[in-house]
Amino acid sequence: MARADLTFTPRLLPASKAAAYLGISESTLRTLNLPRRILGSKRLYDVLALDHYADSLTVEGEEIASEANTCRGKFGRRAS
């Protein structure tokens, strides 16, 4: 019997792979202040936290549920 090669995404990713997973640069990833897991001297991003972050992003075309992303929410003004 031939041994099957399994391909899967590891649960914990270094910054370079976590950034690639989200489709952003490493420098952008580091500005997001996402939690990291500590494994020895390594700081790794949990795929579950990356998925949670991606799921929380606003979807284009959907109505914004809160005022946080509106002109009024950001500057206390009405949109004209």
N, C-alpha and C. Protein backbone atom coordinates (compact mmCIF):
# COMPACT_ATOMS: atom_id res chain seq x y z
N MET A 1 0.82 -1.19 0.00
CA MET A 1 0.00 0.00 0.00
C MET A 1 0.86 1.25 0.00
N ALA A 2 0.47 2.19 -0.81
CA ALA A 2 1.19 3.46 -0.87
C ALA A 2 0.75 4.36 0.29
N ARG A 3 1.68 5.08 0.80
CA ARG A 3 1.38 5.99 1.91
C ARG A 3 0.80 7.29 1.33
N ALA A 4 -0.34 7.71 1.86
CA ALA A 4 -1.00 8.92 1.36
C ALA A 4 -0.34 10.15 1.96
N ASP A 5 -0.11 11.14 1.12
CA ASP A 5 0.42 12.41 1.60
C ASP A 5 -0.76 13.31 1.94
N LEU A 6 -0.84 13.73 3.19
CA LEU A 6 -1.91 14.62 3.62
C LEU A 6 -1.45 16.06 3.50
N THR A 7 -2.32 16.90 3.00
CA THR A 7 -2.04 18.32 2.91
C THR A 7 -3.08 19.04 3.75
N PHE A 8 -2.62 19.84 4.69
CA PHE A 8 -3.53 20.58 5.55
C PHE A 8 -2.84 21.83 6.05
N THR A 9 -3.65 22.79 6.51
CA THR A 9 -3.11 24.01 7.10
C THR A 9 -2.90 23.75 8.58
N PRO A 10 -1.70 23.97 9.10
CA PRO A 10 -1.47 23.81 10.54
C PRO A 10 -2.34 24.79 11.32
N ARG A 11 -2.68 24.45 12.54
CA ARG A 11 -3.52 25.31 13.38
C ARG A 11 -2.78 26.59 13.78
N LEU A 12 -1.49 26.50 14.06
CA LEU A 12 -0.69 27.66 14.47
C LEU A 12 0.27 28.03 13.35
N LEU A 13 0.27 29.34 13.00
CA LEU A 13 1.07 29.80 11.87
C LEU A 13 2.02 30.92 12.27
N PRO A 14 3.23 30.92 11.71
CA PRO A 14 4.12 32.08 11.90
C PRO A 14 3.55 33.28 11.13
N ALA A 15 4.06 34.46 11.41
CA ALA A 15 3.52 35.70 10.83
C ALA A 15 3.45 35.65 9.30
N SER A 16 4.48 35.16 8.66
CA SER A 16 4.49 35.14 7.18
C SER A 16 3.35 34.30 6.62
N LYS A 17 3.11 33.15 7.21
CA LYS A 17 2.04 32.27 6.73
C LYS A 17 0.66 32.77 7.16
N ALA A 18 0.58 33.39 8.35
CA ALA A 18 -0.69 33.96 8.80
C ALA A 18 -1.11 35.11 7.89
N ALA A 19 -0.15 35.94 7.50
CA ALA A 19 -0.44 37.04 6.58
C ALA A 19 -0.91 36.50 5.23
N ALA A 20 -0.22 35.49 4.74
CA ALA A 20 -0.62 34.87 3.47
C ALA A 20 -2.01 34.25 3.57
N TYR A 21 -2.31 33.64 4.71
CA TYR A 21 -3.62 33.03 4.94
C TYR A 21 -4.74 34.07 4.82
N LEU A 22 -4.49 35.29 5.35
CA LEU A 22 -5.48 36.37 5.27
C LEU A 22 -5.40 37.16 3.97
N GLY A 23 -4.31 36.97 3.22
CA GLY A 23 -4.13 37.69 1.96
C GLY A 23 -3.67 39.12 2.16
N ILE A 24 -2.88 39.34 3.21
CA ILE A 24 -2.36 40.68 3.52
C ILE A 24 -0.86 40.60 3.74
N SER A 25 -0.21 41.75 3.89
CA SER A 25 1.23 41.75 4.14
C SER A 25 1.50 41.50 5.63
N GLU A 26 2.72 41.12 5.93
CA GLU A 26 3.11 40.91 7.33
C GLU A 26 3.01 42.21 8.12
N SER A 27 3.39 43.32 7.50
CA SER A 27 3.33 44.59 8.22
C SER A 27 1.89 44.96 8.55
N THR A 28 0.95 44.68 7.66
CA THR A 28 -0.46 44.92 7.95
C THR A 28 -0.94 43.99 9.05
N LEU A 29 -0.53 42.73 8.99
CA LEU A 29 -0.91 41.76 10.02
C LEU A 29 -0.49 42.25 11.41
N ARG A 30 0.70 42.77 11.52
CA ARG A 30 1.21 43.21 12.82
C ARG A 30 0.45 44.43 13.35
N THR A 31 -0.18 45.23 12.48
CA THR A 31 -0.96 46.38 12.94
C THR A 31 -2.35 45.97 13.44
N LEU A 32 -2.77 44.74 13.17
CA LEU A 32 -4.11 44.29 13.55
C LEU A 32 -4.21 43.92 15.03
N ASN A 33 -3.09 43.78 15.70
CA ASN A 33 -3.07 43.46 17.13
C ASN A 33 -3.84 42.19 17.44
N LEU A 34 -3.67 41.18 16.60
CA LEU A 34 -4.33 39.89 16.83
C LEU A 34 -3.55 39.11 17.89
N PRO A 35 -4.24 38.30 18.69
CA PRO A 35 -3.55 37.53 19.72
C PRO A 35 -2.64 36.47 19.09
N ARG A 36 -1.54 36.19 19.79
CA ARG A 36 -0.62 35.14 19.34
C ARG A 36 -0.44 34.12 20.45
N ARG A 37 -0.18 32.90 20.07
CA ARG A 37 0.11 31.83 21.02
C ARG A 37 1.62 31.74 21.17
N ILE A 38 2.05 31.39 22.36
CA ILE A 38 3.49 31.26 22.63
C ILE A 38 3.83 29.77 22.70
N LEU A 39 4.78 29.36 21.88
CA LEU A 39 5.26 27.98 21.87
C LEU A 39 6.78 28.05 21.92
N GLY A 40 7.32 27.90 23.12
CA GLY A 40 8.76 28.07 23.30
C GLY A 40 9.11 29.52 23.03
N SER A 41 10.00 29.74 22.07
CA SER A 41 10.39 31.10 21.72
C SER A 41 9.59 31.62 20.52
N LYS A 42 8.69 30.80 19.99
CA LYS A 42 7.92 31.20 18.81
C LYS A 42 6.63 31.91 19.22
N ARG A 43 6.24 32.88 18.40
CA ARG A 43 4.96 33.57 18.55
C ARG A 43 4.14 33.21 17.32
N LEU A 44 3.05 32.50 17.51
CA LEU A 44 2.28 31.96 16.39
C LEU A 44 0.84 32.44 16.42
N TYR A 45 0.27 32.62 15.24
CA TYR A 45 -1.11 33.03 15.11
C TYR A 45 -2.00 31.79 14.98
N ASP A 46 -3.09 31.79 15.72
CA ASP A 46 -4.04 30.68 15.69
C ASP A 46 -4.99 30.89 14.50
N VAL A 47 -5.15 29.86 13.69
CA VAL A 47 -6.04 29.93 12.53
C VAL A 47 -7.46 30.29 12.96
N LEU A 48 -7.89 29.83 14.13
CA LEU A 48 -9.24 30.15 14.61
C LEU A 48 -9.39 31.65 14.85
N ALA A 49 -8.35 32.30 15.40
CA ALA A 49 -8.38 33.75 15.61
C ALA A 49 -8.35 34.49 14.28
N LEU A 50 -7.60 33.97 13.32
CA LEU A 50 -7.55 34.58 11.99
C LEU A 50 -8.92 34.47 11.31
N ASP A 51 -9.55 33.30 11.44
CA ASP A 51 -10.89 33.12 10.87
C ASP A 51 -11.90 34.04 11.54
N HIS A 52 -11.81 34.18 12.86
CA HIS A 52 -12.72 35.07 13.59
C HIS A 52 -12.55 36.51 13.11
N TYR A 53 -11.32 36.94 12.94
CA TYR A 53 -11.06 38.29 12.44
C TYR A 53 -11.66 38.46 11.05
N ALA A 54 -11.41 37.52 10.16
CA ALA A 54 -11.92 37.62 8.79
C ALA A 54 -13.45 37.61 8.78
N ASP A 55 -14.06 36.80 9.63
CA ASP A 55 -15.52 36.75 9.71
C ASP A 55 -16.12 38.05 10.23
N SER A 56 -15.35 38.80 11.03
CA SER A 56 -15.87 40.04 11.61
C SER A 56 -15.80 41.23 10.66
N LEU A 57 -15.12 41.09 9.54
CA LEU A 57 -15.01 42.19 8.59
C LEU A 57 -16.35 42.46 7.90
N THR A 58 -16.60 43.71 7.58
CA THR A 58 -17.82 44.10 6.88
C THR A 58 -17.80 43.52 5.48
N VAL A 59 -18.94 43.02 5.04
CA VAL A 59 -19.06 42.47 3.70
C VAL A 59 -19.57 43.56 2.77
N GLU A 60 -18.90 43.75 1.66
CA GLU A 60 -19.29 44.78 0.71
C GLU A 60 -20.73 44.56 0.27
N GLY A 61 -21.51 45.65 0.31
CA GLY A 61 -22.90 45.57 -0.11
C GLY A 61 -23.87 45.29 1.02
N GLU A 62 -23.38 44.87 2.18
CA GLU A 62 -24.26 44.63 3.31
C GLU A 62 -24.43 45.91 4.09
N GLU A 63 -25.60 46.07 4.68
CA GLU A 63 -25.86 47.24 5.50
C GLU A 63 -25.02 47.18 6.76
N ILE A 64 -24.43 48.31 7.14
CA ILE A 64 -23.60 48.37 8.34
C ILE A 64 -24.50 48.37 9.56
N ALA A 65 -24.27 47.43 10.48
CA ALA A 65 -25.13 47.27 11.64
C ALA A 65 -24.93 48.37 12.67
N SER A 66 -23.73 48.92 12.77
CA SER A 66 -23.47 49.94 13.78
C SER A 66 -23.00 51.21 13.10
N GLU A 67 -22.94 52.27 13.86
CA GLU A 67 -22.47 53.54 13.33
C GLU A 67 -20.96 53.67 13.39
N ALA A 68 -20.27 52.68 13.89
CA ALA A 68 -18.82 52.76 14.05
C ALA A 68 -18.12 53.03 12.72
N ASN A 69 -18.64 52.50 11.63
CA ASN A 69 -17.99 52.68 10.34
C ASN A 69 -18.66 53.74 9.48
N THR A 70 -19.44 54.61 10.09
CA THR A 70 -20.09 55.68 9.34
C THR A 70 -19.41 57.00 9.65
N CYS A 71 -19.72 57.99 8.84
CA CYS A 71 -19.17 59.33 9.06
C CYS A 71 -19.58 59.83 10.45
N ARG A 72 -20.83 59.61 10.80
CA ARG A 72 -21.32 60.05 12.12
C ARG A 72 -20.59 59.31 13.24
N GLY A 73 -20.40 58.00 13.07
CA GLY A 73 -19.72 57.22 14.10
C GLY A 73 -18.26 57.62 14.28
N LYS A 74 -17.60 57.99 13.21
CA LYS A 74 -16.19 58.35 13.28
C LYS A 74 -15.96 59.80 13.69
N PHE A 75 -16.84 60.70 13.19
CA PHE A 75 -16.59 62.13 13.41
C PHE A 75 -17.74 62.85 14.11
N GLY A 76 -18.82 62.13 14.44
CA GLY A 76 -19.95 62.76 15.10
C GLY A 76 -20.74 63.67 14.17
N ARG A 77 -20.65 63.40 12.87
CA ARG A 77 -21.35 64.22 11.89
C ARG A 77 -22.30 63.36 11.07
N ARG A 78 -23.27 64.03 10.50
CA ARG A 78 -24.17 63.34 9.58
C ARG A 78 -23.50 63.26 8.21
N ALA A 79 -23.79 62.17 7.52
CA ALA A 79 -23.32 62.08 6.14
C ALA A 79 -24.18 62.99 5.29
N SER A 80 -23.57 63.73 4.35
CA SER A 80 -24.38 64.63 3.53
C SER A 80 -24.73 64.03 2.20
